[in-house]
């Protein structure tokens, strides 16, 4: 299964490292990543493969949200299918 992860917040050192480290620790493969800084705000979108992850989707999502709170950014994760369907409407 694949998922879309979004990260938004005030730019600072270590955002990519914190999120990608958490994903690596849970055997989540980053397939594609796009990030930019817009007037001091960090934005990132990742396409990830959850096939080797041992956690339930909701458990990984909760870990990402908690990590985001720790570093001061908003993190969200959606199933790729849900993301595709929402963007068709």
Protein backbone atom coordinates (compact mmCIF):
# COMPACT_ATOMS: atom_id res chain seq x y z
CA UNK A 1 0.00 0.00 0.00
CA UNK A 2 1.13 3.53 -0.74
CA UNK A 3 0.36 6.74 1.11
CA UNK A 4 0.78 10.49 0.76
CA UNK A 5 2.41 12.36 3.66
CA UNK A 6 2.23 16.15 3.88
CA UNK A 7 4.28 18.33 6.22
CA UNK A 8 3.72 22.07 6.68
CA UNK A 9 5.16 24.51 9.20
CA UNK A 10 7.62 27.27 9.93
CA UNK A 11 10.98 26.38 8.42
CA UNK A 12 13.77 25.19 10.70
CA UNK A 13 16.67 22.77 10.70
CA UNK A 14 15.90 19.05 10.92
CA UNK A 15 12.35 18.69 9.62
CA UNK A 16 13.23 16.31 6.77
CA UNK A 17 15.63 14.39 9.02
CA UNK A 18 13.04 13.91 11.77
CA UNK A 19 10.28 12.68 9.47
CA UNK A 20 12.47 10.52 7.23
CA UNK A 21 14.20 8.94 10.26
CA UNK A 22 10.85 7.96 11.76
CA UNK A 23 9.82 6.43 8.43
CA UNK A 24 13.10 4.51 8.09
CA UNK A 25 12.81 3.15 11.64
CA UNK A 26 9.44 1.69 10.63
CA UNK A 27 10.53 0.22 7.27
CA UNK A 28 8.65 2.80 5.21
CA UNK A 29 10.23 3.47 1.82
CA UNK A 30 10.12 7.02 0.43
CA UNK A 31 9.26 6.69 -3.27
CA UNK A 32 9.08 10.38 -4.15
CA UNK A 33 9.55 13.63 -2.27
CA UNK A 34 9.01 17.29 -3.03
CA UNK A 35 9.78 20.10 -0.63
CA UNK A 36 10.02 23.84 -0.83
CA UNK A 37 10.23 26.92 1.37
CA UNK A 38 7.50 29.50 0.73
CA UNK A 39 8.14 32.82 2.50
CA UNK A 40 9.58 31.09 5.57
CA UNK A 41 7.12 28.19 5.58
CA UNK A 42 8.35 24.65 4.93
CA UNK A 43 6.13 22.43 2.77
CA UNK A 44 6.77 18.81 1.85
CA UNK A 45 4.83 16.08 0.09
CA UNK A 46 6.03 12.47 0.13
CA UNK A 47 4.78 9.37 -1.65
CA UNK A 48 5.68 6.37 0.51
CA UNK A 49 5.42 2.59 0.28
CA UNK A 50 4.04 0.96 3.44
CA UNK A 51 4.39 -2.65 2.28
CA UNK A 52 7.23 -3.51 4.71
CA UNK A 53 5.90 -1.45 7.63
CA UNK A 54 4.85 -3.61 10.59
CA UNK A 55 2.60 -0.94 12.11
CA UNK A 56 -1.06 -0.42 11.30
CA UNK A 57 -1.76 2.63 9.13
CA UNK A 58 -3.37 4.45 12.08
CA UNK A 59 -0.41 3.70 14.37
CA UNK A 60 2.10 5.12 11.88
CA UNK A 61 -0.13 8.16 11.29
CA UNK A 62 -0.30 8.78 15.04
CA UNK A 63 3.51 8.54 15.32
CA UNK A 64 3.92 11.04 12.48
CA UNK A 65 1.45 13.47 14.04
CA UNK A 66 3.24 13.19 17.39
CA UNK A 67 6.64 13.74 15.75
CA UNK A 68 5.22 16.77 13.96
CA UNK A 69 4.00 18.21 17.25
CA UNK A 70 7.44 17.65 18.78
CA UNK A 71 9.17 19.60 16.01
CA UNK A 72 6.44 22.21 15.48
CA UNK A 73 4.95 21.20 12.11
CA UNK A 74 1.63 19.77 10.94
CA UNK A 75 1.92 16.25 9.51
CA UNK A 76 -0.84 14.31 7.77
CA UNK A 77 -0.94 10.91 6.05
CA UNK A 78 -3.61 9.64 3.66
CA UNK A 79 -4.02 6.43 1.70
CA UNK A 80 -3.00 7.07 -1.90
CA UNK A 81 -6.42 5.90 -3.14
CA UNK A 82 -8.23 8.36 -0.87
CA UNK A 83 -5.93 11.17 -2.00
CA UNK A 84 -6.57 10.32 -5.67
CA UNK A 85 -10.35 10.10 -5.19
CA UNK A 86 -10.58 13.38 -3.27
CA UNK A 87 -8.66 15.19 -6.00
CA UNK A 88 -11.01 13.87 -8.71
CA UNK A 89 -14.05 15.58 -7.18
